[in-house]
């Protein structure tokens, strides 16, 4: 497998609630673009895990690696830290899209750091 496929498989393993849905590739691909207010999209969720993994591996935006590592130590779980960082990433992307400007990497890192330092 390619490196990204290995990382993806590790995150898929962390989400057994998606296993049945991802078993049938054709059905999963057909559902990929569906929008639901009832349940989360496993493709979006897993792609955010992959995005965070990649961001941390290259420390882009600068400081995200340290912020996620601190959050991981505070939550005693990389998985939980990712879920919290995803909320920050989603918010920054939503604000960026809404304002028609590039994402604010500094605000994103600051948001993750705030989560890592609050009780």
PDB file of N, CA and C in Angstrom:
ATOM      1  N   UNK A   1       0.838  -1.188   0.000  1.00  0.00           N
ATOM      2  CA  UNK A   1       0.000   0.000   0.000  1.00  0.00           C
ATOM      3  C   UNK A   1       0.879   1.246   0.000  1.00  0.00           C
ATOM      4  N   UNK A   2       0.329   2.305  -0.535  1.00  0.00           N
ATOM      5  CA  UNK A   2       0.993   3.599  -0.492  1.00  0.00           C
ATOM      6  C   UNK A   2       0.923   4.130   0.939  1.00  0.00           C
ATOM      7  N   UNK A   3       1.796   5.058   1.283  1.00  0.00           N
ATOM      8  CA  UNK A   3       1.835   5.606   2.642  1.00  0.00           C
ATOM      9  C   UNK A   3       0.490   6.198   3.050  1.00  0.00           C
ATOM     10  N   UNK A   4      -0.145   6.942   2.152  1.00  0.00           N
ATOM     11  CA  UNK A   4      -1.427   7.570   2.476  1.00  0.00           C
ATOM     12  C   UNK A   4      -2.509   6.514   2.695  1.00  0.00           C
ATOM     13  N   UNK A   5      -2.423   5.390   1.989  1.00  0.00           N
ATOM     14  CA  UNK A   5      -3.388   4.309   2.172  1.00  0.00           C
ATOM     15  C   UNK A   5      -3.205   3.649   3.540  1.00  0.00           C
ATOM     16  N   UNK A   6      -1.977   3.552   3.985  1.00  0.00           N
ATOM     17  CA  UNK A   6      -1.706   2.982   5.311  1.00  0.00           C
ATOM     18  C   UNK A   6      -2.300   3.887   6.383  1.00  0.00           C
ATOM     19  N   UNK A   7      -2.067   5.188   6.249  1.00  0.00           N
ATOM     20  CA  UNK A   7      -2.613   6.141   7.218  1.00  0.00           C
ATOM     21  C   UNK A   7      -4.140   6.085   7.192  1.00  0.00           C
ATOM     22  N   UNK A   8      -4.713   6.063   5.993  1.00  0.00           N
ATOM     23  CA  UNK A   8      -6.180   5.991   5.877  1.00  0.00           C
ATOM     24  C   UNK A   8      -6.708   4.724   6.539  1.00  0.00           C
ATOM     25  N   UNK A   9      -6.042   3.606   6.332  1.00  0.00           N
ATOM     26  CA  UNK A   9      -6.521   2.353   6.923  1.00  0.00           C
ATOM     27  C   UNK A   9      -6.452   2.398   8.444  1.00  0.00           C
ATOM     28  N   UNK A  10      -5.452   3.087   8.986  1.00  0.00           N
ATOM     29  CA  UNK A  10      -5.364   3.222  10.444  1.00  0.00           C
ATOM     30  C   UNK A  10      -6.536   4.029  10.990  1.00  0.00           C
ATOM     31  N   UNK A  11      -6.909   5.110  10.289  1.00  0.00           N
ATOM     32  CA  UNK A  11      -8.049   5.912  10.745  1.00  0.00           C
ATOM     33  C   UNK A  11      -9.360   5.157  10.535  1.00  0.00           C
ATOM     34  N   UNK A  12      -9.460   4.382   9.473  1.00  0.00           N
ATOM     35  CA  UNK A  12     -10.659   3.566   9.274  1.00  0.00           C
ATOM     36  C   UNK A  12     -10.788   2.559  10.411  1.00  0.00           C
ATOM     37  N   UNK A  13      -9.667   1.963  10.825  1.00  0.00           N
ATOM     38  CA  UNK A  13      -9.687   1.020  11.946  1.00  0.00           C
ATOM     39  C   UNK A  13     -10.200   1.690  13.223  1.00  0.00           C
ATOM     40  N   UNK A  14      -9.929   2.975  13.384  1.00  0.00           N
ATOM     41  CA  UNK A  14     -10.373   3.723  14.567  1.00  0.00           C
ATOM     42  C   UNK A  14     -11.869   4.029  14.535  1.00  0.00           C
ATOM     43  N   UNK A  15     -12.504   3.768  13.391  1.00  0.00           N
ATOM     44  CA  UNK A  15     -13.928   4.085  13.225  1.00  0.00           C
ATOM     45  C   UNK A  15     -14.718   2.859  12.778  1.00  0.00           C
ATOM     46  N   UNK A  16     -14.927   1.901  13.677  1.00  0.00           N
ATOM     47  CA  UNK A  16     -15.679   0.701  13.302  1.00  0.00           C
ATOM     48  C   UNK A  16     -17.119   1.007  12.877  1.00  0.00           C
ATOM     49  N   UNK A  17     -17.643   2.153  13.281  1.00  0.00           N
ATOM     50  CA  UNK A  17     -19.005   2.516  12.883  1.00  0.00           C
ATOM     51  C   UNK A  17     -19.122   2.746  11.374  1.00  0.00           C
ATOM     52  N   UNK A  18     -17.989   2.905  10.696  1.00  0.00           N
ATOM     53  CA  UNK A  18     -18.000   3.100   9.243  1.00  0.00           C
ATOM     54  C   UNK A  18     -17.705   1.817   8.462  1.00  0.00           C
ATOM     55  N   UNK A  19     -17.270   0.770   9.136  1.00  0.00           N
ATOM     56  CA  UNK A  19     -16.809  -0.429   8.442  1.00  0.00           C
ATOM     57  C   UNK A  19     -17.862  -1.020   7.511  1.00  0.00           C
ATOM     58  N   UNK A  20     -19.087  -1.175   7.984  1.00  0.00           N
ATOM     59  CA  UNK A  20     -20.133  -1.779   7.140  1.00  0.00           C
ATOM     60  C   UNK A  20     -20.397  -0.897   5.925  1.00  0.00           C
ATOM     61  N   UNK A  21     -20.428   0.398   6.135  1.00  0.00           N
ATOM     62  CA  UNK A  21     -20.705   1.322   5.040  1.00  0.00           C
ATOM     63  C   UNK A  21     -19.586   1.320   3.997  1.00  0.00           C
ATOM     64  N   UNK A  22     -18.364   1.101   4.448  1.00  0.00           N
ATOM     65  CA  UNK A  22     -17.220   1.121   3.532  1.00  0.00           C
ATOM     66  C   UNK A  22     -16.934  -0.241   2.897  1.00  0.00           C
ATOM     67  N   UNK A  23     -17.624  -1.298   3.332  1.00  0.00           N
ATOM     68  CA  UNK A  23     -17.402  -2.635   2.785  1.00  0.00           C
ATOM     69  C   UNK A  23     -17.754  -2.719   1.301  1.00  0.00           C
ATOM     70  N   UNK A  24     -18.870  -2.113   0.920  1.00  0.00           N
ATOM     71  CA  UNK A  24     -19.347  -2.152  -0.460  1.00  0.00           C
ATOM     72  C   UNK A  24     -18.851  -0.887  -1.152  1.00  0.00           C
ATOM     73  N   UNK A  25     -17.784  -1.001  -1.909  1.00  0.00           N
ATOM     74  CA  UNK A  25     -17.136   0.162  -2.521  1.00  0.00           C
ATOM     75  C   UNK A  25     -18.091   0.928  -3.425  1.00  0.00           C
ATOM     76  N   UNK A  26     -18.833   0.225  -4.282  1.00  0.00           N
ATOM     77  CA  UNK A  26     -19.740   0.901  -5.204  1.00  0.00           C
ATOM     78  C   UNK A  26     -20.828   1.675  -4.458  1.00  0.00           C
ATOM     79  N   UNK A  27     -21.411   1.049  -3.445  1.00  0.00           N
ATOM     80  CA  UNK A  27     -22.458   1.721  -2.667  1.00  0.00           C
ATOM     81  C   UNK A  27     -21.863   2.901  -1.896  1.00  0.00           C
ATOM     82  N   UNK A  28     -20.667   2.715  -1.355  1.00  0.00           N
ATOM     83  CA  UNK A  28     -20.020   3.792  -0.610  1.00  0.00           C
ATOM     84  C   UNK A  28     -19.731   4.978  -1.513  1.00  0.00           C
ATOM     85  N   UNK A  29     -19.237   4.711  -2.718  1.00  0.00           N
ATOM     86  CA  UNK A  29     -18.961   5.802  -3.660  1.00  0.00           C
ATOM     87  C   UNK A  29     -20.240   6.514  -4.089  1.00  0.00           C
ATOM     88  N   UNK A  30     -21.316   5.758  -4.250  1.00  0.00           N
ATOM     89  CA  UNK A  30     -22.591   6.367  -4.632  1.00  0.00           C
ATOM     90  C   UNK A  30     -23.118   7.290  -3.538  1.00  0.00           C
ATOM     91  N   UNK A  31     -22.849   6.938  -2.272  1.00  0.00           N
ATOM     92  CA  UNK A  31     -23.318   7.738  -1.141  1.00  0.00           C
ATOM     93  C   UNK A  31     -22.368   8.886  -0.792  1.00  0.00           C
ATOM     94  N   UNK A  32     -21.191   8.900  -1.374  1.00  0.00           N
ATOM     95  CA  UNK A  32     -20.143   9.833  -0.974  1.00  0.00           C
ATOM     96  C   UNK A  32     -20.603  11.291  -1.004  1.00  0.00           C
ATOM     97  N   UNK A  33     -21.371  11.668  -1.984  1.00  0.00           N
ATOM     98  CA  UNK A  33     -21.761  13.072  -2.128  1.00  0.00           C
ATOM     99  C   UNK A  33     -23.070  13.406  -1.424  1.00  0.00           C
ATOM    100  N   UNK A  34     -23.688  12.427  -0.785  1.00  0.00           N
ATOM    101  CA  UNK A  34     -24.960  12.684  -0.100  1.00  0.00           C
ATOM    102  C   UNK A  34     -24.759  13.625   1.076  1.00  0.00           C
ATOM    103  N   UNK A  35     -25.720  14.499   1.251  1.00  0.00           N
ATOM    104  CA  UNK A  35     -25.710  15.412   2.389  1.00  0.00           C
ATOM    105  C   UNK A  35     -26.777  14.947   3.357  1.00  0.00           C
ATOM    106  N   UNK A  36     -26.394  14.809   4.611  1.00  0.00           N
ATOM    107  CA  UNK A  36     -27.338  14.368   5.629  1.00  0.00           C
ATOM    108  C   UNK A  36     -27.154  15.216   6.873  1.00  0.00           C
ATOM    109  N   UNK A  37     -28.253  15.635   7.446  1.00  0.00           N
ATOM    110  CA  UNK A  37     -28.186  16.357   8.715  1.00  0.00           C
ATOM    111  C   UNK A  37     -28.311  15.390   9.885  1.00  0.00           C
ATOM    112  N   UNK A  38     -28.554  14.117   9.565  1.00  0.00           N
ATOM    113  CA  UNK A  38     -28.763  13.115  10.598  1.00  0.00           C
ATOM    114  C   UNK A  38     -27.464  12.416  11.000  1.00  0.00           C
ATOM    115  N   UNK A  39     -26.636  12.094  10.018  1.00  0.00           N
ATOM    116  CA  UNK A  39     -25.384  11.400  10.333  1.00  0.00           C
ATOM    117  C   UNK A  39     -24.241  12.044   9.568  1.00  0.00           C
ATOM    118  N   UNK A  40     -23.040  11.842  10.107  1.00  0.00           N
ATOM    119  CA  UNK A  40     -21.886  12.458   9.448  1.00  0.00           C
ATOM    120  C   UNK A  40     -21.440  11.632   8.249  1.00  0.00           C
ATOM    121  N   UNK A  41     -20.793  12.301   7.339  1.00  0.00           N
ATOM    122  CA  UNK A  41     -20.275  11.667   6.134  1.00  0.00           C
ATOM    123  C   UNK A  41     -18.929  11.019   6.469  1.00  0.00           C
ATOM    124  N   UNK A  42     -18.834   9.689   6.351  1.00  0.00           N
ATOM    125  CA  UNK A  42     -17.574   9.034   6.710  1.00  0.00           C
ATOM    126  C   UNK A  42     -16.407   9.482   5.835  1.00  0.00           C
ATOM    127  N   UNK A  43     -16.668   9.820   4.584  1.00  0.00           N
ATOM    128  CA  UNK A  43     -15.594  10.265   3.700  1.00  0.00           C
ATOM    129  C   UNK A  43     -15.044  11.620   4.147  1.00  0.00           C
ATOM    130  N   UNK A  44     -15.939  12.519   4.501  1.00  0.00           N
ATOM    131  CA  UNK A  44     -15.503  13.820   5.004  1.00  0.00           C
ATOM    132  C   UNK A  44     -14.743  13.652   6.316  1.00  0.00           C
ATOM    133  N   UNK A  45     -15.292  12.847   7.205  1.00  0.00           N
ATOM    134  CA  UNK A  45     -14.662  12.634   8.503  1.00  0.00           C
ATOM    135  C   UNK A  45     -13.255  12.045   8.347  1.00  0.00           C
ATOM    136  N   UNK A  46     -13.146  10.994   7.550  1.00  0.00           N
ATOM    137  CA  UNK A  46     -11.843  10.354   7.357  1.00  0.00           C
ATOM    138  C   UNK A  46     -10.879  11.268   6.605  1.00  0.00           C
ATOM    139  N   UNK A  47     -11.381  12.054   5.664  1.00  0.00           N
ATOM    140  CA  UNK A  47     -10.486  12.973   4.947  1.00  0.00           C
ATOM    141  C   UNK A  47      -9.966  14.066   5.876  1.00  0.00           C
ATOM    142  N   UNK A  48     -10.759  14.443   6.873  1.00  0.00           N
ATOM    143  CA  UNK A  48     -10.259  15.427   7.838  1.00  0.00           C
ATOM    144  C   UNK A  48      -9.157  14.810   8.710  1.00  0.00           C
ATOM    145  N   UNK A  49      -9.317  13.534   9.084  1.00  0.00           N
ATOM    146  CA  UNK A  49      -8.229  12.851   9.803  1.00  0.00           C
ATOM    147  C   UNK A  49      -6.962  12.854   8.946  1.00  0.00           C
ATOM    148  N   UNK A  50      -7.115  12.534   7.663  1.00  0.00           N
ATOM    149  CA  UNK A  50      -5.958  12.514   6.763  1.00  0.00           C
ATOM    150  C   UNK A  50      -5.349  13.908   6.627  1.00  0.00           C
ATOM    151  N   UNK A  51      -6.181  14.917   6.512  1.00  0.00           N
ATOM    152  CA  UNK A  51      -5.679  16.292   6.413  1.00  0.00           C
ATOM    153  C   UNK A  51      -4.873  16.668   7.645  1.00  0.00           C
ATOM    154  N   UNK A  52      -5.413  16.359   8.813  1.00  0.00           N
ATOM    155  CA  UNK A  52      -4.691  16.671  10.048  1.00  0.00           C
ATOM    156  C   UNK A  52      -3.384  15.886  10.153  1.00  0.00           C
ATOM    157  N   UNK A  53      -3.416  14.629   9.753  1.00  0.00           N
ATOM    158  CA  UNK A  53      -2.183  13.827   9.772  1.00  0.00           C
ATOM    159  C   UNK A  53      -1.120  14.456   8.879  1.00  0.00           C
ATOM    160  N   UNK A  54      -1.532  14.873   7.684  1.00  0.00           N
ATOM    161  CA  UNK A  54      -0.598  15.495   6.746  1.00  0.00           C
ATOM    162  C   UNK A  54      -0.118  16.843   7.265  1.00  0.00           C
ATOM    163  N   UNK A  55      -1.032  17.652   7.783  1.00  0.00           N
ATOM    164  CA  UNK A  55      -0.639  18.953   8.334  1.00  0.00           C
ATOM    165  C   UNK A  55       0.406  18.787   9.426  1.00  0.00           C
ATOM    166  N   UNK A  56       0.184  17.824  10.306  1.00  0.00           N
ATOM    167  CA  UNK A  56       1.135  17.598  11.400  1.00  0.00           C
ATOM    168  C   UNK A  56       2.464  17.074  10.882  1.00  0.00           C
ATOM    169  N   UNK A  57       2.431  16.244   9.848  1.00  0.00           N
ATOM    170  CA  UNK A  57       3.679  15.661   9.337  1.00  0.00           C
ATOM    171  C   UNK A  57       4.595  16.722   8.732  1.00  0.00           C
ATOM    172  N   UNK A  58       4.006  17.782   8.178  1.00  0.00           N
ATOM    173  CA  UNK A  58       4.827  18.838   7.561  1.00  0.00           C
ATOM    174  C   UNK A  58       4.759  20.154   8.349  1.00  0.00           C
ATOM    175  N   UNK A  59       4.071  20.140   9.475  1.00  0.00           N
ATOM    176  CA  UNK A  59       3.878  21.318  10.325  1.00  0.00           C
ATOM    177  C   UNK A  59       3.401  22.522   9.512  1.00  0.00           C
ATOM    178  N   UNK A  60       2.316  22.297   8.804  1.00  0.00           N
ATOM    179  CA  UNK A  60       1.724  23.359   7.983  1.00  0.00           C
ATOM    180  C   UNK A  60       0.232  23.396   8.237  1.00  0.00           C
ATOM    181  N   UNK A  61      -0.324  24.456   8.745  1.00  0.00           N
ATOM    182  CA  UNK A  61       0.343  25.723   9.046  1.00  0.00           C
ATOM    183  C   UNK A  61       1.306  25.582  10.225  1.00  0.00           C
ATOM    184  N   UNK A  62       2.324  26.416  10.193  1.00  0.00           N
ATOM    185  CA  UNK A  62       3.374  26.336  11.203  1.00  0.00           C
ATOM    186  C   UNK A  62       2.771  26.401  12.607  1.00  0.00           C
ATOM    187  N   UNK A  63       3.152  25.418  13.417  1.00  0.00           N
ATOM    188  CA  UNK A  63       2.679  25.348  14.796  1.00  0.00           C
ATOM    189  C   UNK A  63       1.579  24.325  15.016  1.00  0.00           C
ATOM    190  N   UNK A  64       0.986  23.792  13.931  1.00  0.00           N
ATOM    191  CA  UNK A  64      -0.109  22.838  14.099  1.00  0.00           C
ATOM    192  C   UNK A  64       0.379  21.531  14.724  1.00  0.00           C
ATOM    193  N   UNK A  65       1.572  21.106  14.365  1.00  0.00           N
ATOM    194  CA  UNK A  65       2.109  19.861  14.947  1.00  0.00           C
ATOM    195  C   UNK A  65       2.191  19.979  16.470  1.00  0.00           C
ATOM    196  N   UNK A  66       2.790  21.054  16.944  1.00  0.00           N
ATOM    197  CA  UNK A  66       2.945  21.246  18.384  1.00  0.00           C
ATOM    198  C   UNK A  66       1.576  21.367  19.067  1.00  0.00           C
ATOM    199  N   UNK A  67       0.650  22.099  18.447  1.00  0.00           N
ATOM    200  CA  UNK A  67      -0.681  22.275  19.034  1.00  0.00           C
ATOM    201  C   UNK A  67      -1.416  20.939  19.150  1.00  0.00           C
ATOM    202  N   UNK A  68      -1.347  20.114  18.116  1.00  0.00           N
ATOM    203  CA  UNK A  68      -2.028  18.814  18.144  1.00  0.00           C
ATOM    204  C   UNK A  68      -1.322  17.872  19.124  1.00  0.00           C
ATOM    205  N   UNK A  69      -0.001  17.928  19.185  1.00  0.00           N
ATOM    206  CA  UNK A  69       0.720  17.098  20.159  1.00  0.00           C
ATOM    207  C   UNK A  69       0.334  17.474  21.587  1.00  0.00           C
ATOM    208  N   UNK A  70       0.229  18.766  21.864  1.00  0.00           N
ATOM    209  CA  UNK A  70      -0.174  19.219  23.193  1.00  0.00           C
ATOM    210  C   UNK A  70      -1.601  18.773  23.498  1.00  0.00           C
ATOM    211  N   UNK A  71      -2.488  18.929  22.530  1.00  0.00           N
ATOM    212  CA  UNK A  71      -3.870  18.496  22.712  1.00  0.00           C
ATOM    213  C   UNK A  71      -3.941  16.986  22.910  1.00  0.00           C
ATOM    214  N   UNK A  72      -3.114  16.237  22.200  1.00  0.00           N
ATOM    215  CA  UNK A  72      -3.063  14.780  22.351  1.00  0.00           C
ATOM    216  C   UNK A  72      -2.651  14.404  23.774  1.00  0.00           C
ATOM    217  N   UNK A  73      -1.625  15.081  24.287  1.00  0.00           N
ATOM    218  CA  UNK A  73      -1.191  14.803  25.672  1.00  0.00           C
ATOM    219  C   UNK A  73      -2.286  15.164  26.674  1.00  0.00           C
ATOM    220  N   UNK A  74      -2.958  16.291  26.459  1.00  0.00           N
ATOM    221  CA  UNK A  74      -4.014  16.725  27.387  1.00  0.00           C
ATOM    222  C   UNK A  74      -5.205  15.774  27.367  1.00  0.00           C
ATOM    223  N   UNK A  75      -5.539  15.228  26.225  1.00  0.00           N
ATOM    224  CA  UNK A  75      -6.693  14.330  26.096  1.00  0.00           C
ATOM    225  C   UNK A  75      -6.293  12.860  26.210  1.00  0.00           C
ATOM    226  N   UNK A  76      -4.980  12.614  26.237  1.00  0.00           N
ATOM    227  CA  UNK A  76      -4.443  11.253  26.313  1.00  0.00           C
ATOM    228  C   UNK A  76      -4.948  10.393  25.160  1.00  0.00           C
ATOM    229  N   UNK A  77      -5.129  11.037  23.988  1.00  0.00           N
ATOM    230  CA  UNK A  77      -5.650  10.308  22.829  1.00  0.00           C
ATOM    231  C   UNK A  77      -5.446  11.136  21.565  1.00  0.00           C
ATOM    232  N   UNK A  78      -4.696  10.593  20.616  1.00  0.00           N
ATOM    233  CA  UNK A  78      -4.545  11.258  19.324  1.00  0.00           C
ATOM    234  C   UNK A  78      -5.893  11.342  18.615  1.00  0.00           C
ATOM    235  N   UNK A  79      -6.682  10.296  18.733  1.00  0.00           N
ATOM    236  CA  UNK A  79      -7.990  10.262  18.091  1.00  0.00           C
ATOM    237  C   UNK A  79      -8.884  11.386  18.620  1.00  0.00           C
ATOM    238  N   UNK A  80      -8.969  11.529  19.920  1.00  0.00           N
ATOM    239  CA  UNK A  80      -9.778  12.595  20.510  1.00  0.00           C
ATOM    240  C   UNK A  80      -9.226  13.972  20.148  1.00  0.00           C
ATOM    241  N   UNK A  81      -7.902  14.093  20.134  1.00  0.00           N
ATOM    242  CA  UNK A  81      -7.286  15.368  19.753  1.00  0.00           C
ATOM    243  C   UNK A  81      -7.646  15.720  18.316  1.00  0.00           C
ATOM    244  N   UNK A  82      -7.612  14.740  17.437  1.00  0.00           N
ATOM    245  CA  UNK A  82      -7.987  14.983  16.042  1.00  0.00           C
ATOM    246  C   UNK A  82      -9.424  15.472  15.947  1.00  0.00           C
ATOM    247  N   UNK A  83     -10.331  14.840  16.702  1.00  0.00           N
ATOM    248  CA  UNK A  83     -11.730  15.239  16.637  1.00  0.00           C
ATOM    249  C   UNK A  83     -11.907  16.685  17.092  1.00  0.00           C
ATOM    250  N   UNK A  84     -11.174  17.095  18.103  1.00  0.00           N
ATOM    251  CA  UNK A  84     -11.262  18.487  18.553  1.00  0.00           C
ATOM    252  C   UNK A  84     -10.638  19.430  17.526  1.00  0.00           C
ATOM    253  N   UNK A  85      -9.501  19.047  16.981  1.00  0.00           N
ATOM    254  CA  UNK A  85      -8.847  19.883  15.967  1.00  0.00           C
ATOM    255  C   UNK A  85      -9.717  19.982  14.715  1.00  0.00           C
ATOM    256  N   UNK A  86     -10.459  18.911  14.400  1.00  0.00           N
ATOM    257  CA  UNK A  86     -11.367  18.940  13.247  1.00  0.00           C
ATOM    258  C   UNK A  86     -12.428  20.021  13.405  1.00  0.00           C
ATOM    259  N   UNK A  87     -12.901  20.191  14.627  1.00  0.00           N
ATOM    260  CA  UNK A  87     -13.889  21.247  14.863  1.00  0.00           C
ATOM    261  C   UNK A  87     -13.282  22.610  14.556  1.00  0.00           C
ATOM    262  N   UNK A  88     -12.040  22.815  14.946  1.00  0.00           N
ATOM    263  CA  UNK A  88     -11.352  24.076  14.658  1.00  0.00           C
ATOM    264  C   UNK A  88     -11.144  24.240  13.157  1.00  0.00           C
ATOM    265  N   UNK A  89     -10.697  23.181  12.498  1.00  0.00           N
ATOM    266  CA  UNK A  89     -10.466  23.223  11.058  1.00  0.00           C
ATOM    267  C   UNK A  89     -11.761  23.510  10.316  1.00  0.00           C
ATOM    268  N   UNK A  90     -12.823  22.834  10.689  1.00  0.00           N
ATOM    269  CA  UNK A  90     -14.113  23.056  10.049  1.00  0.00           C
ATOM    270  C   UNK A  90     -14.584  24.494  10.204  1.00  0.00           C
ATOM    271  N   UNK A  91     -14.407  25.052  11.391  1.00  0.00           N
ATOM    272  CA  UNK A  91     -14.811  26.432  11.642  1.00  0.00           C
ATOM    273  C   UNK A  91     -14.009  27.408  10.782  1.00  0.00           C
ATOM    274  N   UNK A  92     -12.699  27.198  10.724  1.00  0.00           N
ATOM    275  CA  UNK A  92     -11.834  28.087   9.938  1.00  0.00           C
ATOM    276  C   UNK A  92     -12.182  27.995   8.449  1.00  0.00           C
ATOM    277  N   UNK A  93     -12.437  26.796   7.969  1.00  0.00           N
ATOM    278  CA  UNK A  93     -12.800  26.628   6.557  1.00  0.00           C
ATOM    279  C   UNK A  93     -14.154  27.270   6.253  1.00  0.00           C
ATOM    280  N   UNK A  94     -15.105  27.124   7.169  1.00  0.00           N
ATOM    281  CA  UNK A  94     -16.421  27.723   6.983  1.00  0.00           C
ATOM    282  C   UNK A  94     -16.299  29.246   6.938  1.00  0.00           C
ATOM    283  N   UNK A  95     -15.536  29.811   7.884  1.00  0.00           N
ATOM    284  CA  UNK A  95     -15.350  31.261   7.909  1.00  0.00           C
ATOM    285  C   UNK A  95     -14.655  31.748   6.641  1.00  0.00           C
ATOM    286  N   UNK A  96     -13.671  31.011   6.191  1.00  0.00           N
ATOM    287  CA  UNK A  96     -12.941  31.370   4.984  1.00  0.00           C
ATOM    288  C   UNK A  96     -13.859  31.380   3.770  1.00  0.00           C
ATOM    289  N   UNK A  97     -14.626  30.330   3.632  1.00  0.00           N
ATOM    290  CA  UNK A  97     -15.527  30.221   2.491  1.00  0.00           C
ATOM    291  C   UNK A  97     -16.582  31.319   2.544  1.00  0.00           C
ATOM    292  N   UNK A  98     -17.103  31.553   3.708  1.00  0.00           N
ATOM    293  CA  UNK A  98     -18.153  32.564   3.867  1.00  0.00           C
ATOM    294  C   UNK A  98     -17.635  33.964   3.540  1.00  0.00           C
ATOM    295  N   UNK A  99     -16.390  34.256   3.931  1.00  0.00           N
ATOM    296  CA  UNK A  99     -15.813  35.577   3.707  1.00  0.00           C
ATOM    297  C   UNK A  99     -15.142  35.710   2.338  1.00  0.00           C
ATOM    298  N   UNK A 100     -14.974  34.581   1.630  1.00  0.00           N
ATOM    299  CA  UNK A 100     -14.320  34.614   0.324  1.00  0.00           C
ATOM    300  C   UNK A 100     -12.841  34.945   0.408  1.00  0.00           C
ATOM    301  N   UNK A 101     -12.197  34.435   1.443  1.00  0.00           N
ATOM    302  CA  UNK A 101     -10.764  34.675   1.621  1.00  0.00           C
ATOM    303  C   UNK A 101     -10.065  33.362   1.965  1.00  0.00           C
ATOM    304  N   UNK A 102      -8.742  33.335   1.857  1.00  0.00           N
ATOM    305  CA  UNK A 102      -8.010  32.107   2.210  1.00  0.00           C
ATOM    306  C   UNK A 102      -8.175  31.772   3.691  1.00  0.00           C
ATOM    307  N   UNK A 103      -8.067  30.507   4.042  1.00  0.00           N
ATOM    308  CA  UNK A 103      -8.133  30.125   5.462  1.00  0.00           C
ATOM    309  C   UNK A 103      -7.028  30.808   6.263  1.00  0.00           C
ATOM    310  N   UNK A 104      -7.358  31.173   7.482  1.00  0.00           N
ATOM    311  CA  UNK A 104      -6.413  31.834   8.381  1.00  0.00           C
ATOM    312  C   UNK A 104      -5.699  30.765   9.208  1.00  0.00           C
ATOM    313  N   UNK A 105      -4.505  30.385   8.761  1.00  0.00           N
ATOM    314  CA  UNK A 105      -3.743  29.333   9.435  1.00  0.00           C
ATOM    315  C   UNK A 105      -3.397  29.677  10.868  1.00  0.00           C
ATOM    316  N   UNK A 106      -3.077  30.936  11.119  1.00  0.00           N
ATOM    317  CA  UNK A 106      -2.729  31.344  12.485  1.00  0.00           C
ATOM    318  C   UNK A 106      -3.927  31.207  13.419  1.00  0.00           C
ATOM    319  N   UNK A 107      -5.112  31.619  12.944  1.00  0.00           N
ATOM    320  CA  UNK A 107      -6.319  31.507  13.763  1.00  0.00           C
ATOM    321  C   UNK A 107      -6.640  30.038  14.036  1.00  0.00           C
ATOM    322  N   UNK A 108      -6.396  29.192  13.062  1.00  0.00           N
ATOM    323  CA  UNK A 108      -6.624  27.746  13.204  1.00  0.00           C
ATOM    324  C   UNK A 108      -5.715  27.168  14.286  1.00  0.00           C
ATOM    325  N   UNK A 109      -4.423  27.455  14.185  1.00  0.00           N
ATOM    326  CA  UNK A 109      -3.465  26.952  15.180  1.00  0.00           C
ATOM    327  C   UNK A 109      -3.813  27.500  16.557  1.00  0.00           C
ATOM    328  N   UNK A 110      -4.159  28.777  16.633  1.00  0.00           N
ATOM    329  CA  UNK A 110      -4.540  29.378  17.913  1.00  0.00           C
ATOM    330  C   UNK A 110      -5.752  28.675  18.517  1.00  0.00           C
ATOM    331  N   UNK A 111      -6.731  28.339  17.683  1.00  0.00           N
ATOM    332  CA  UNK A 111      -7.934  27.664  18.172  1.00  0.00           C
ATOM    333  C   UNK A 111      -7.592  26.283  18.746  1.00  0.00           C
ATOM    334  N   UNK A 112      -6.719  25.551  18.070  1.00  0.00           N
ATOM    335  CA  UNK A 112      -6.306  24.232  18.572  1.00  0.00           C
ATOM    336  C   UNK A 112      -5.517  24.402  19.871  1.00  0.00           C
ATOM    337  N   UNK A 113      -4.629  25.387  19.922  1.00  0.00           N
ATOM    338  CA  UNK A 113      -3.853  25.643  21.138  1.00  0.00           C
ATOM    339  C   UNK A 113      -4.758  26.005  22.312  1.00  0.00           C
ATOM    340  N   UNK A 114      -5.784  26.815  22.056  1.00  0.00           N
ATOM    341  CA  UNK A 114      -6.725  27.169  23.143  1.00  0.00           C
ATOM    342  C   UNK A 114      -7.393  25.930  23.696  1.00  0.00           C
ATOM    343  N   UNK A 115      -7.773  25.013  22.820  1.00  0.00           N
ATOM    344  CA  UNK A 115      -8.401  23.765  23.290  1.00  0.00           C
ATOM    345  C   UNK A 115      -7.409  22.948  24.120  1.00  0.00           C
ATOM    346  N   UNK A 116      -6.154  22.998  23.721  1.00  0.00           N
ATOM    347  CA  UNK A 116      -5.132  22.208  24.417  1.00  0.00           C
ATOM    348  C   UNK A 116      -4.769  22.786  25.778  1.00  0.00           C
ATOM    349  N   UNK A 117      -5.069  24.056  25.994  1.00  0.00           N
ATOM    350  CA  UNK A 117      -4.658  24.691  27.253  1.00  0.00           C
ATOM    351  C   UNK A 117      -5.834  24.984  28.187  1.00  0.00           C
ATOM    352  N   UNK A 118      -7.045  24.678  27.746  1.00  0.00           N
ATOM    353  CA  UNK A 118      -8.185  24.895  28.653  1.00  0.00           C
ATOM    354  C   UNK A 118      -8.511  23.609  29.388  1.00  0.00           C
ATOM    355  N   UNK A 119      -9.122  23.752  30.520  1.00  0.00           N
ATOM    356  CA  UNK A 119      -9.504  22.573  31.322  1.00  0.00           C
ATOM    357  C   UNK A 119     -10.901  22.121  31.006  1.00  0.00           C
TER     358      UNK A 119
END
